[in-house]
Amino acid sequence: MALKIYDSDNKPYIVATMFDNAKLQTALVRERRDRYSFPFGDAEIVQIAFSGIYIVYGDMLVKQNRLRIKAFDEPELVELHFSLTGGGIMENYLTNKRLDIKANQHNIIYSPDFDGMAEFTTNKPHKFFEVNFERNRFIDLTSESSTLLRNFAEKITNNHSVELSAENLPISLAMHGCINDIMNCQFTGGLKLLFLQSKCFELLALQAQAFEEAAEKRNTTTIKSTYDKDRIYYAREYLLANASHPPSLTELAKTAGINEFKLKQGFKEIFHNTVFGYLSDYKLMRAKELLADSSKNIKHISDELGYSSVQHFSSAFSKKFGISPAKAR
């Protein structure tokens, strides 16, 4: 991709230019990391390209809350978008569409041209992750899939700017796991190509499944108001922030400003897990990441995540992943 971002004096800066096509033919997987420092903010962006798929992820710290942005010289791409932290608003003047970006949410987007405005919270970290499929490849992949994806692909074929759903969904722990696997891939050569391809296809399948299930449950949901949804999201953030010493359900409901029934039912509807089932999965996924750091011993990780003993931690980890923490590292 290539973006032209304008500062407060309307001076343009070019960000994240794509790989040269000739270079893409010389390696199975191309990868690069770029750092940017501009008057309107700083960013570090990683790009990985292979076989008609472009992975882009990074961190941004924005100093101006309102930025003029133009996308140019882009191939026609379908974007699996994941907002990891931070949020904002993207408004495309060409289509009169407004896209709300919130932390820990995802969607699938096709927007062949962008000329508009972006608003971000200033001086707070923004982290994003994208998998971009070349349009024809995405259409081929989804031609025999679900009705939802086929309808989406049909709109793309007609060159309509469109999102898979008008409402973003929360990023599941399985999606987070996929994203972390891609970011921390240790394979090289042909194995790296196979691994990254499989993970990108897995992310697409997980997103499609999530939106299919959301569409089926929309008419029978307990949580209907925006306020209740916001309280459920707040409860999740509070729960994870206190993962090593979690509150009780009663305490969590009181903190979130919602009754226990709505908390339990709403949490299950939105995150497809119970409150403490979600917490357990989160802690074990976090343990998997921490085990990659050889400077931390298993007891330290167990204590950091709030397990009562190393034995309890090892038992839960083995049950989840089919391998002990010691062998996992």
C-alpha atoms as a PDB file:
ATOM      1  CA  MET A   1       0.000   0.000   0.000  1.00  0.00           C
ATOM      2  CA  ALA A   2       1.014   3.641  -0.224  1.00  0.00           C
ATOM      3  CA  LEU A   3      -0.508   6.438   1.811  1.00  0.00           C
ATOM      4  CA  LYS A   4      -0.124  10.174   1.480  1.00  0.00           C
ATOM      5  CA  ILE A   5      -0.732  11.851   4.859  1.00  0.00           C
ATOM      6  CA  TYR A   6      -0.899  15.628   5.215  1.00  0.00           C
ATOM      7  CA  ASP A   7       0.300  17.604   8.244  1.00  0.00           C
ATOM      8  CA  SER A   8      -1.370  20.717   9.658  1.00  0.00           C
ATOM      9  CA  ASP A   9       0.364  22.840   6.992  1.00  0.00           C
ATOM     10  CA  ASN A  10      -1.038  20.572   4.255  1.00  0.00           C
ATOM     11  CA  LYS A  11       2.420  19.208   3.470  1.00  0.00           C
ATOM     12  CA  PRO A  12       2.223  15.601   2.178  1.00  0.00           C
ATOM     13  CA  TYR A  13       4.289  12.664   3.495  1.00  0.00           C
ATOM     14  CA  ILE A  14       4.418   9.228   1.869  1.00  0.00           C
ATOM     15  CA  VAL A  15       3.988   6.248   4.212  1.00  0.00           C
ATOM     16  CA  ALA A  16       4.265   2.465   3.658  1.00  0.00           C
ATOM     17  CA  THR A  17       4.985   2.132  -0.042  1.00  0.00           C
ATOM     18  CA  MET A  18       4.506  -1.405  -1.328  1.00  0.00           C
ATOM     19  CA  PHE A  19       7.138  -3.827  -2.584  1.00  0.00           C
ATOM     20  CA  ASP A  20       8.288  -3.538  -6.172  1.00  0.00           C
ATOM     21  CA  ASN A  21       6.695  -6.328  -8.255  1.00  0.00           C
ATOM     22  CA  ALA A  22      10.064  -7.348  -9.692  1.00  0.00           C
ATOM     23  CA  LYS A  23      11.441  -7.882  -6.192  1.00  0.00           C
ATOM     24  CA  LEU A  24       8.449 -10.009  -5.245  1.00  0.00           C
ATOM     25  CA  GLN A  25       9.425 -12.514  -7.914  1.00  0.00           C
ATOM     26  CA  THR A  26      12.898 -13.055  -6.439  1.00  0.00           C
ATOM     27  CA  ALA A  27      11.890 -14.556  -3.077  1.00  0.00           C
ATOM     28  CA  LEU A  28       9.163 -16.760  -1.695  1.00  0.00           C
ATOM     29  CA  VAL A  29       8.445 -14.272   1.105  1.00  0.00           C
ATOM     30  CA  ARG A  30       9.475 -10.615   1.194  1.00  0.00           C
ATOM     31  CA  GLU A  31       9.557  -8.790   4.519  1.00  0.00           C
ATOM     32  CA  ARG A  32      10.604  -5.363   5.713  1.00  0.00           C
ATOM     33  CA  ARG A  33      10.262  -3.112   8.745  1.00  0.00           C
ATOM     34  CA  ASP A  34      10.072   0.683   8.417  1.00  0.00           C
ATOM     35  CA  ARG A  35      10.130   3.395  11.071  1.00  0.00           C
ATOM     36  CA  TYR A  36       8.620   6.819  10.452  1.00  0.00           C
ATOM     37  CA  SER A  37       8.800  10.073  12.365  1.00  0.00           C
ATOM     38  CA  PHE A  38       6.642  12.933  11.124  1.00  0.00           C
ATOM     39  CA  PRO A  39       5.263  16.163  12.639  1.00  0.00           C
ATOM     40  CA  PHE A  40       1.883  14.436  13.050  1.00  0.00           C
ATOM     41  CA  GLY A  41       3.177  11.234  14.699  1.00  0.00           C
ATOM     42  CA  ASP A  42       5.508   8.248  14.766  1.00  0.00           C
ATOM     43  CA  ALA A  43       5.009   4.742  13.430  1.00  0.00           C
ATOM     44  CA  GLU A  44       6.717   1.394  13.004  1.00  0.00           C
ATOM     45  CA  ILE A  45       5.237  -0.747  10.234  1.00  0.00           C
ATOM     46  CA  VAL A  46       6.053  -4.311   9.155  1.00  0.00           C
ATOM     47  CA  GLN A  47       5.120  -5.552   5.669  1.00  0.00           C
ATOM     48  CA  ILE A  48       5.225  -9.181   4.499  1.00  0.00           C
ATOM     49  CA  ALA A  49       4.342 -10.126   0.932  1.00  0.00           C
ATOM     50  CA  PHE A  50       3.879 -13.480  -0.821  1.00  0.00           C
ATOM     51  CA  SER A  51       1.613 -15.148  -3.392  1.00  0.00           C
ATOM     52  CA  GLY A  52      -0.941 -12.344  -3.740  1.00  0.00           C
ATOM     53  CA  ILE A  53      -1.183 -11.786   0.025  1.00  0.00           C
ATOM     54  CA  TYR A  54       0.148  -8.732   1.879  1.00  0.00           C
ATOM     55  CA  ILE A  55       0.411  -8.703   5.670  1.00  0.00           C
ATOM     56  CA  VAL A  56       0.780  -5.275   7.267  1.00  0.00           C
ATOM     57  CA  TYR A  57       0.965  -4.550  10.975  1.00  0.00           C
ATOM     58  CA  GLY A  58       2.390  -1.903  13.232  1.00  0.00           C
ATOM     59  CA  ASP A  59       2.269   0.627  16.030  1.00  0.00           C
ATOM     60  CA  MET A  60       1.382   4.293  15.757  1.00  0.00           C
ATOM     61  CA  LEU A  61       1.542   7.253  18.125  1.00  0.00           C
ATOM     62  CA  VAL A  62      -0.499  10.115  16.708  1.00  0.00           C
ATOM     63  CA  LYS A  63       0.199  13.734  17.704  1.00  0.00           C
ATOM     64  CA  GLN A  64      -2.572  15.356  15.643  1.00  0.00           C
ATOM     65  CA  ASN A  65      -6.044  13.982  16.175  1.00  0.00           C
ATOM     66  CA  ARG A  66      -7.296  14.836  12.678  1.00  0.00           C
ATOM     67  CA  LEU A  67      -5.363  13.840   9.553  1.00  0.00           C
ATOM     68  CA  ARG A  68      -6.056  14.128   5.830  1.00  0.00           C
ATOM     69  CA  ILE A  69      -5.206  10.821   4.096  1.00  0.00           C
ATOM     70  CA  LYS A  70      -5.104   9.687   0.467  1.00  0.00           C
ATOM     71  CA  ALA A  71      -4.399   6.140  -0.704  1.00  0.00           C
ATOM     72  CA  PHE A  72      -2.775   5.870  -4.114  1.00  0.00           C
ATOM     73  CA  ASP A  73      -1.042   3.413  -6.469  1.00  0.00           C
ATOM     74  CA  GLU A  74      -2.700   0.528  -4.644  1.00  0.00           C
ATOM     75  CA  PRO A  75      -3.570  -2.853  -6.153  1.00  0.00           C
ATOM     76  CA  GLU A  76      -7.175  -3.870  -5.579  1.00  0.00           C
ATOM     77  CA  LEU A  77      -7.056  -5.530  -2.164  1.00  0.00           C
ATOM     78  CA  VAL A  78      -9.570  -7.031   0.259  1.00  0.00           C
ATOM     79  CA  GLU A  79      -8.494  -6.258   3.814  1.00  0.00           C
ATOM     80  CA  LEU A  80      -8.953  -8.429   6.890  1.00  0.00           C
ATOM     81  CA  HIS A  81      -8.707  -5.648   9.456  1.00  0.00           C
ATOM     82  CA  PHE A  82      -7.885  -6.090  13.147  1.00  0.00           C
ATOM     83  CA  SER A  83      -7.651  -3.105  15.492  1.00  0.00           C
ATOM     84  CA  LEU A  84      -5.595  -4.387  18.432  1.00  0.00           C
ATOM     85  CA  THR A  85      -5.387  -1.254  20.601  1.00  0.00           C
ATOM     86  CA  GLY A  86      -6.573   2.312  20.217  1.00  0.00           C
ATOM     87  CA  GLY A  87      -9.322   3.504  17.926  1.00  0.00           C
ATOM     88  CA  GLY A  88     -10.615   6.257  15.724  1.00  0.00           C
ATOM     89  CA  ILE A  89     -12.756   7.167  12.744  1.00  0.00           C
ATOM     90  CA  MET A  90     -12.002   6.910   9.013  1.00  0.00           C
ATOM     91  CA  GLU A  91     -14.223   8.978   6.704  1.00  0.00           C
ATOM     92  CA  ASN A  92     -13.943   8.403   2.951  1.00  0.00           C
ATOM     93  CA  TYR A  93     -15.071  11.441   0.968  1.00  0.00           C
ATOM     94  CA  LEU A  94     -15.233   9.394  -2.250  1.00  0.00           C
ATOM     95  CA  THR A  95     -17.911   7.036  -0.920  1.00  0.00           C
ATOM     96  CA  ASN A  96     -19.412   9.134   1.903  1.00  0.00           C
ATOM     97  CA  LYS A  97     -18.733   6.207   4.222  1.00  0.00           C
ATOM     98  CA  ARG A  98     -17.556   6.418   7.811  1.00  0.00           C
ATOM     99  CA  LEU A  99     -15.698   3.534   9.460  1.00  0.00           C
ATOM    100  CA  ASP A 100     -15.517   3.383  13.255  1.00  0.00           C
ATOM    101  CA  ILE A 101     -12.348   1.709  14.536  1.00  0.00           C
ATOM    102  CA  LYS A 102     -12.403   0.371  18.099  1.00  0.00           C
ATOM    103  CA  ALA A 103      -9.854  -1.584  20.105  1.00  0.00           C
ATOM    104  CA  ASN A 104     -10.064  -5.387  19.899  1.00  0.00           C
ATOM    105  CA  GLN A 105     -12.486  -5.400  16.957  1.00  0.00           C
ATOM    106  CA  HIS A 106     -12.304  -6.757  13.427  1.00  0.00           C
ATOM    107  CA  ASN A 107     -14.024  -6.622  10.043  1.00  0.00           C
ATOM    108  CA  ILE A 108     -13.374  -7.387   6.373  1.00  0.00           C
ATOM    109  CA  ILE A 109     -13.174  -4.318   4.144  1.00  0.00           C
ATOM    110  CA  TYR A 110     -12.973  -3.565   0.431  1.00  0.00           C
ATOM    111  CA  SER A 111     -12.214   0.069  -0.356  1.00  0.00           C
ATOM    112  CA  PRO A 112     -10.370   0.419  -3.669  1.00  0.00           C
ATOM    113  CA  ASP A 113      -9.863   4.175  -3.279  1.00  0.00           C
ATOM    114  CA  PHE A 114      -9.541   6.381  -0.217  1.00  0.00           C
ATOM    115  CA  ASP A 115      -9.461  10.153  -0.015  1.00  0.00           C
ATOM    116  CA  GLY A 116     -10.658  11.500   3.277  1.00  0.00           C
ATOM    117  CA  MET A 117     -10.068  12.200   6.927  1.00  0.00           C
ATOM    118  CA  ALA A 118      -8.968  10.137   9.903  1.00  0.00           C
ATOM    119  CA  GLU A 119      -9.451  11.003  13.569  1.00  0.00           C
ATOM    120  CA  PHE A 120      -7.394   9.294  16.280  1.00  0.00           C
ATOM    121  CA  THR A 121      -6.888   9.744  20.000  1.00  0.00           C
ATOM    122  CA  THR A 122      -3.591  11.583  20.409  1.00  0.00           C
ATOM    123  CA  ASN A 123      -0.536  10.447  22.410  1.00  0.00           C
ATOM    124  CA  LYS A 124      -1.899   6.955  22.990  1.00  0.00           C
ATOM    125  CA  PRO A 125      -0.678   3.783  21.260  1.00  0.00           C
ATOM    126  CA  HIS A 126      -2.567   2.431  18.280  1.00  0.00           C
ATOM    127  CA  LYS A 127      -1.780  -1.089  17.104  1.00  0.00           C
ATOM    128  CA  PHE A 128      -3.261  -2.672  13.994  1.00  0.00           C
ATOM    129  CA  PHE A 129      -2.932  -5.853  11.962  1.00  0.00           C
ATOM    130  CA  GLU A 130      -4.079  -6.464   8.386  1.00  0.00           C
ATOM    131  CA  VAL A 131      -4.090  -9.320   5.916  1.00  0.00           C
ATOM    132  CA  ASN A 132      -4.718  -8.039   2.389  1.00  0.00           C
ATOM    133  CA  PHE A 133      -5.737 -10.442  -0.382  1.00  0.00           C
ATOM    134  CA  GLU A 134      -5.540  -9.438  -4.028  1.00  0.00           C
ATOM    135  CA  ARG A 135      -9.151  -9.034  -5.117  1.00  0.00           C
ATOM    136  CA  ASN A 136      -9.263 -11.868  -7.667  1.00  0.00           C
ATOM    137  CA  ARG A 137      -7.587 -14.260  -5.242  1.00  0.00           C
ATOM    138  CA  PHE A 138     -10.141 -13.426  -2.533  1.00  0.00           C
ATOM    139  CA  ILE A 139     -13.018 -13.984  -4.968  1.00  0.00           C
ATOM    140  CA  ASP A 140     -11.575 -17.366  -5.986  1.00  0.00           C
ATOM    141  CA  LEU A 141     -11.099 -18.387  -2.337  1.00  0.00           C
ATOM    142  CA  THR A 142     -14.682 -17.545  -1.390  1.00  0.00           C
ATOM    143  CA  SER A 143     -16.483 -18.733  -4.537  1.00  0.00           C
ATOM    144  CA  GLU A 144     -17.568 -22.012  -2.895  1.00  0.00           C
ATOM    145  CA  SER A 145     -17.914 -20.721   0.674  1.00  0.00           C
ATOM    146  CA  SER A 146     -20.753 -19.344   2.788  1.00  0.00           C
ATOM    147  CA  THR A 147     -23.616 -17.217   1.487  1.00  0.00           C
ATOM    148  CA  LEU A 148     -22.320 -14.269   3.494  1.00  0.00           C
ATOM    149  CA  LEU A 149     -18.881 -14.352   1.844  1.00  0.00           C
ATOM    150  CA  ARG A 150     -20.314 -15.034  -1.623  1.00  0.00           C
ATOM    151  CA  ASN A 151     -22.590 -11.979  -1.349  1.00  0.00           C
ATOM    152  CA  PHE A 152     -19.632  -9.930  -0.160  1.00  0.00           C
ATOM    153  CA  ALA A 153     -17.517 -11.150  -3.088  1.00  0.00           C
ATOM    154  CA  GLU A 154     -20.308 -10.258  -5.531  1.00  0.00           C
ATOM    155  CA  LYS A 155     -20.278  -6.640  -4.319  1.00  0.00           C
ATOM    156  CA  ILE A 156     -16.497  -6.605  -4.670  1.00  0.00           C
ATOM    157  CA  THR A 157     -16.824  -7.893  -8.254  1.00  0.00           C
ATOM    158  CA  ASN A 158     -19.061  -4.901  -8.986  1.00  0.00           C
ATOM    159  CA  ASN A 159     -16.309  -2.674  -7.508  1.00  0.00           C
ATOM    160  CA  HIS A 160     -18.463  -1.440  -4.635  1.00  0.00           C
ATOM    161  CA  SER A 161     -16.728  -0.143  -1.519  1.00  0.00           C
ATOM    162  CA  VAL A 162     -18.115  -2.403   1.214  1.00  0.00           C
ATOM    163  CA  GLU A 163     -17.602  -3.991   4.640  1.00  0.00           C
ATOM    164  CA  LEU A 164     -18.557  -7.575   5.415  1.00  0.00           C
ATOM    165  CA  SER A 165     -20.726  -6.243   8.260  1.00  0.00           C
ATOM    166  CA  ALA A 166     -21.964  -2.799   9.249  1.00  0.00           C
ATOM    167  CA  GLU A 167     -20.969  -3.692  12.818  1.00  0.00           C
ATOM    168  CA  ASN A 168     -17.461  -4.782  13.837  1.00  0.00           C
ATOM    169  CA  LEU A 169     -17.037  -7.856  16.031  1.00  0.00           C
ATOM    170  CA  PRO A 170     -14.626  -8.519  18.924  1.00  0.00           C
ATOM    171  CA  ILE A 171     -11.350 -10.243  18.052  1.00  0.00           C
ATOM    172  CA  SER A 172     -11.507 -13.767  19.448  1.00  0.00           C
ATOM    173  CA  LEU A 173      -8.667 -15.423  21.342  1.00  0.00           C
ATOM    174  CA  ALA A 174      -8.219 -17.808  18.413  1.00  0.00           C
ATOM    175  CA  MET A 175      -7.713 -14.797  16.125  1.00  0.00           C
ATOM    176  CA  HIS A 176      -5.255 -13.260  18.588  1.00  0.00           C
ATOM    177  CA  GLY A 177      -3.396 -16.564  18.607  1.00  0.00           C
ATOM    178  CA  CYS A 178      -3.184 -16.573  14.796  1.00  0.00           C
ATOM    179  CA  ILE A 179      -1.967 -12.979  14.725  1.00  0.00           C
ATOM    180  CA  ASN A 180       0.723 -13.678  17.329  1.00  0.00           C
ATOM    181  CA  ASP A 181       1.823 -16.779  15.406  1.00  0.00           C
ATOM    182  CA  ILE A 182       2.282 -14.678  12.259  1.00  0.00           C
ATOM    183  CA  MET A 183       4.157 -11.924  14.083  1.00  0.00           C
ATOM    184  CA  ASN A 184       6.491 -14.438  15.740  1.00  0.00           C
ATOM    185  CA  CYS A 185       6.987 -16.832  12.812  1.00  0.00           C
ATOM    186  CA  GLN A 186      10.414 -18.509  13.041  1.00  0.00           C
ATOM    187  CA  PHE A 187      10.263 -20.525   9.814  1.00  0.00           C
ATOM    188  CA  THR A 188      12.263 -19.628   6.716  1.00  0.00           C
ATOM    189  CA  GLY A 189      11.989 -20.277   2.984  1.00  0.00           C
ATOM    190  CA  GLY A 190       9.272 -22.611   1.759  1.00  0.00           C
ATOM    191  CA  LEU A 191       8.132 -23.557   5.269  1.00  0.00           C
ATOM    192  CA  LYS A 192       7.593 -19.877   6.103  1.00  0.00           C
ATOM    193  CA  LEU A 193       5.487 -19.462   2.976  1.00  0.00           C
ATOM    194  CA  LEU A 194       3.322 -22.474   3.868  1.00  0.00           C
ATOM    195  CA  PHE A 195       2.972 -21.372   7.499  1.00  0.00           C
ATOM    196  CA  LEU A 196       1.986 -17.784   6.684  1.00  0.00           C
ATOM    197  CA  GLN A 197      -0.473 -18.866   3.988  1.00  0.00           C
ATOM    198  CA  SER A 198      -2.166 -21.314   6.350  1.00  0.00           C
ATOM    199  CA  LYS A 199      -2.467 -18.707   9.103  1.00  0.00           C
ATOM    200  CA  CYS A 200      -3.946 -16.107   6.725  1.00  0.00           C
ATOM    201  CA  PHE A 201      -6.533 -18.635   5.497  1.00  0.00           C
ATOM    202  CA  GLU A 202      -7.277 -19.560   9.118  1.00  0.00           C
ATOM    203  CA  LEU A 203      -7.893 -15.905  10.013  1.00  0.00           C
ATOM    204  CA  LEU A 204     -10.279 -15.546   7.078  1.00  0.00           C
ATOM    205  CA  ALA A 205     -12.164 -18.684   8.145  1.00  0.00           C
ATOM    206  CA  LEU A 206     -12.375 -17.498  11.771  1.00  0.00           C
ATOM    207  CA  GLN A 207     -13.723 -14.113  10.708  1.00  0.00           C
ATOM    208  CA  ALA A 208     -16.292 -15.633   8.364  1.00  0.00           C
ATOM    209  CA  GLN A 209     -17.458 -18.018  11.078  1.00  0.00           C
ATOM    210  CA  ALA A 210     -17.761 -15.181  13.605  1.00  0.00           C
ATOM    211  CA  PHE A 211     -19.895 -13.046  11.283  1.00  0.00           C
ATOM    212  CA  GLU A 212     -22.067 -16.033  10.305  1.00  0.00           C
ATOM    213  CA  GLU A 213     -22.768 -16.795  13.962  1.00  0.00           C
ATOM    214  CA  ALA A 214     -23.438 -13.133  14.739  1.00  0.00           C
ATOM    215  CA  ALA A 215     -25.970 -12.935  11.903  1.00  0.00           C
ATOM    216  CA  GLU A 216     -27.778 -16.041  13.199  1.00  0.00           C
ATOM    217  CA  LYS A 217     -27.945 -14.772  16.784  1.00  0.00           C
ATOM    218  CA  ARG A 218     -28.847 -11.158  16.044  1.00  0.00           C
ATOM    219  CA  ASN A 219     -32.573 -11.762  16.412  1.00  0.00           C
ATOM    220  CA  THR A 220     -32.344 -13.750  19.665  1.00  0.00           C
ATOM    221  CA  THR A 221     -29.743 -11.730  21.538  1.00  0.00           C
ATOM    222  CA  THR A 222     -30.219 -10.707  25.167  1.00  0.00           C
ATOM    223  CA  ILE A 223     -27.957  -7.678  24.842  1.00  0.00           C
ATOM    224  CA  LYS A 224     -29.617  -5.216  22.491  1.00  0.00           C
ATOM    225  CA  SER A 225     -28.736  -1.714  23.710  1.00  0.00           C
ATOM    226  CA  THR A 226     -25.471   0.054  22.880  1.00  0.00           C
ATOM    227  CA  TYR A 227     -25.035   0.865  26.571  1.00  0.00           C
ATOM    228  CA  ASP A 228     -25.191  -2.803  27.600  1.00  0.00           C
ATOM    229  CA  LYS A 229     -22.715  -3.768  24.859  1.00  0.00           C
ATOM    230  CA  ASP A 230     -20.318  -1.057  25.997  1.00  0.00           C
ATOM    231  CA  ARG A 231     -20.584  -2.333  29.587  1.00  0.00           C
ATOM    232  CA  ILE A 232     -19.772  -5.895  28.456  1.00  0.00           C
ATOM    233  CA  TYR A 233     -16.703  -4.640  26.594  1.00  0.00           C
ATOM    234  CA  TYR A 234     -15.687  -2.635  29.657  1.00  0.00           C
ATOM    235  CA  ALA A 235     -16.103  -5.744  31.843  1.00  0.00           C
ATOM    236  CA  ARG A 236     -13.819  -7.686  29.522  1.00  0.00           C
ATOM    237  CA  GLU A 237     -11.115  -4.994  29.624  1.00  0.00           C
ATOM    238  CA  TYR A 238     -11.327  -4.773  33.414  1.00  0.00           C
ATOM    239  CA  LEU A 239     -11.209  -8.554  33.761  1.00  0.00           C
ATOM    240  CA  LEU A 240      -8.061  -8.860  31.623  1.00  0.00           C
ATOM    241  CA  ALA A 241      -6.384  -5.907  33.338  1.00  0.00           C
ATOM    242  CA  ASN A 242      -6.831  -7.787  36.615  1.00  0.00           C
ATOM    243  CA  ALA A 243      -6.244 -11.283  35.223  1.00  0.00           C
ATOM    244  CA  SER A 244      -3.793 -12.334  37.947  1.00  0.00           C
ATOM    245  CA  HIS A 245      -6.269 -11.351  40.713  1.00  0.00           C
ATOM    246  CA  PRO A 246      -9.682 -11.425  39.021  1.00  0.00           C
ATOM    247  CA  PRO A 247     -12.843 -10.026  40.600  1.00  0.00           C
ATOM    248  CA  SER A 248     -15.854 -12.203  41.362  1.00  0.00           C
ATOM    249  CA  LEU A 249     -18.842 -12.075  39.016  1.00  0.00           C
ATOM    250  CA  THR A 250     -20.682  -9.869  41.493  1.00  0.00           C
ATOM    251  CA  GLU A 251     -17.742  -7.474  41.765  1.00  0.00           C
ATOM    252  CA  LEU A 252     -17.248  -7.405  37.991  1.00  0.00           C
ATOM    253  CA  ALA A 253     -20.926  -6.685  37.337  1.00  0.00           C
ATOM    254  CA  LYS A 254     -20.892  -3.854  39.889  1.00  0.00           C
ATOM    255  CA  THR A 255     -17.709  -2.370  38.418  1.00  0.00           C
ATOM    256  CA  ALA A 256     -19.110  -2.555  34.883  1.00  0.00           C
ATOM    257  CA  GLY A 257     -22.462  -1.068  35.890  1.00  0.00           C
ATOM    258  CA  ILE A 258     -24.595  -4.001  34.703  1.00  0.00           C
ATOM    259  CA  ASN A 259     -26.495  -6.768  36.487  1.00  0.00           C
ATOM    260  CA  GLU A 260     -25.039 -10.270  36.787  1.00  0.00           C
ATOM    261  CA  PHE A 261     -27.575 -11.872  34.470  1.00  0.00           C
ATOM    262  CA  LYS A 262     -26.815  -9.488  31.613  1.00  0.00           C
ATOM    263  CA  LEU A 263     -23.103  -9.788  32.312  1.00  0.00           C
ATOM    264  CA  LYS A 264     -23.158 -13.590  32.053  1.00  0.00           C
ATOM    265  CA  GLN A 265     -25.550 -13.789  29.103  1.00  0.00           C
ATOM    266  CA  GLY A 266     -24.034 -10.841  27.268  1.00  0.00           C
ATOM    267  CA  PHE A 267     -20.471 -12.043  27.730  1.00  0.00           C
ATOM    268  CA  LYS A 268     -21.407 -15.455  26.299  1.00  0.00           C
ATOM    269  CA  GLU A 269     -23.197 -13.866  23.340  1.00  0.00           C
ATOM    270  CA  ILE A 270     -20.417 -11.437  22.449  1.00  0.00           C
ATOM    271  CA  PHE A 271     -17.307 -13.490  23.241  1.00  0.00           C
ATOM    272  CA  HIS A 272     -18.722 -17.030  22.827  1.00  0.00           C
ATOM    273  CA  ASN A 273     -17.433 -18.094  26.232  1.00  0.00           C
ATOM    274  CA  THR A 274     -18.243 -17.708  29.915  1.00  0.00           C
ATOM    275  CA  VAL A 275     -16.534 -14.918  31.827  1.00  0.00           C
ATOM    276  CA  PHE A 276     -14.056 -17.192  33.573  1.00  0.00           C
ATOM    277  CA  GLY A 277     -13.743 -19.569  30.627  1.00  0.00           C
ATOM    278  CA  TYR A 278     -12.605 -16.562  28.587  1.00  0.00           C
ATOM    279  CA  LEU A 279     -10.202 -15.508  31.331  1.00  0.00           C
ATOM    280  CA  SER A 280      -8.709 -19.006  31.512  1.00  0.00           C
ATOM    281  CA  ASP A 281      -8.178 -19.108  27.738  1.00  0.00           C
ATOM    282  CA  TYR A 282      -6.636 -15.630  27.795  1.00  0.00           C
ATOM    283  CA  LYS A 283      -4.180 -16.567  30.548  1.00  0.00           C
ATOM    284  CA  LEU A 284      -3.108 -19.720  28.731  1.00  0.00           C
ATOM    285  CA  MET A 285      -2.647 -17.879  25.430  1.00  0.00           C
ATOM    286  CA  ARG A 286      -0.595 -15.287  27.309  1.00  0.00           C
ATOM    287  CA  ALA A 287       1.424 -18.099  28.918  1.00  0.00           C
ATOM    288  CA  LYS A 288       2.203 -19.460  25.457  1.00  0.00           C
ATOM    289  CA  GLU A 289       3.628 -16.052  24.475  1.00  0.00           C
ATOM    290  CA  LEU A 290       5.627 -15.682  27.706  1.00  0.00           C
ATOM    291  CA  LEU A 291       7.193 -19.126  27.303  1.00  0.00           C
ATOM    292  CA  ALA A 292       8.934 -17.811  24.183  1.00  0.00           C
ATOM    293  CA  ASP A 293      11.010 -15.581  26.504  1.00  0.00           C
ATOM    294  CA  SER A 294      13.737 -17.888  27.831  1.00  0.00           C
ATOM    295  CA  SER A 295      14.676 -15.389  30.546  1.00  0.00           C
ATOM    296  CA  LYS A 296      11.424 -16.174  32.400  1.00  0.00           C
ATOM    297  CA  ASN A 297      11.227 -19.501  34.186  1.00  0.00           C
ATOM    298  CA  ILE A 298       7.985 -21.437  34.403  1.00  0.00           C
ATOM    299  CA  LYS A 299       7.371 -20.594  38.062  1.00  0.00           C
ATOM    300  CA  HIS A 300       7.731 -16.884  37.290  1.00  0.00           C
ATOM    301  CA  ILE A 301       5.177 -17.180  34.483  1.00  0.00           C
ATOM    302  CA  SER A 302       2.818 -19.171  36.698  1.00  0.00           C
ATOM    303  CA  ASP A 303       3.044 -16.530  39.439  1.00  0.00           C
ATOM    304  CA  GLU A 304       2.693 -13.635  36.993  1.00  0.00           C
ATOM    305  CA  LEU A 305      -0.539 -15.064  35.618  1.00  0.00           C
ATOM    306  CA  GLY A 306      -1.991 -15.714  39.067  1.00  0.00           C
ATOM    307  CA  TYR A 307      -1.998 -19.536  39.187  1.00  0.00           C
ATOM    308  CA  SER A 308      -2.049 -21.021  42.677  1.00  0.00           C
ATOM    309  CA  SER A 309       0.851 -23.359  41.884  1.00  0.00           C
ATOM    310  CA  VAL A 310       3.149 -24.472  39.076  1.00  0.00           C
ATOM    311  CA  GLN A 311       1.337 -27.827  39.094  1.00  0.00           C
ATOM    312  CA  HIS A 312      -2.025 -26.126  38.547  1.00  0.00           C
ATOM    313  CA  PHE A 313      -0.557 -24.047  35.723  1.00  0.00           C
ATOM    314  CA  SER A 314       1.101 -27.053  34.068  1.00  0.00           C
ATOM    315  CA  SER A 315      -2.093 -29.097  34.285  1.00  0.00           C
ATOM    316  CA  ALA A 316      -4.227 -26.330  32.719  1.00  0.00           C
ATOM    317  CA  PHE A 317      -1.643 -25.667  29.996  1.00  0.00           C
ATOM    318  CA  SER A 318      -1.310 -29.358  29.100  1.00  0.00           C
ATOM    319  CA  LYS A 319      -5.092 -29.764  28.944  1.00  0.00           C
ATOM    320  CA  LYS A 320      -5.411 -26.740  26.631  1.00  0.00           C
ATOM    321  CA  PHE A 321      -2.497 -27.399  24.254  1.00  0.00           C
ATOM    322  CA  GLY A 322      -1.763 -31.102  24.683  1.00  0.00           C
ATOM    323  CA  ILE A 323       1.821 -30.399  25.732  1.00  0.00           C
ATOM    324  CA  SER A 324       3.508 -29.356  28.965  1.00  0.00           C
ATOM    325  CA  PRO A 325       4.874 -25.802  29.414  1.00  0.00           C
ATOM    326  CA  ALA A 326       8.429 -27.171  29.577  1.00  0.00           C
ATOM    327  CA  LYS A 327       8.093 -28.957  26.238  1.00  0.00           C
ATOM    328  CA  ALA A 328       6.273 -26.006  24.672  1.00  0.00           C
ATOM    329  CA  ARG A 329       9.310 -23.787  25.077  1.00  0.00           C
END
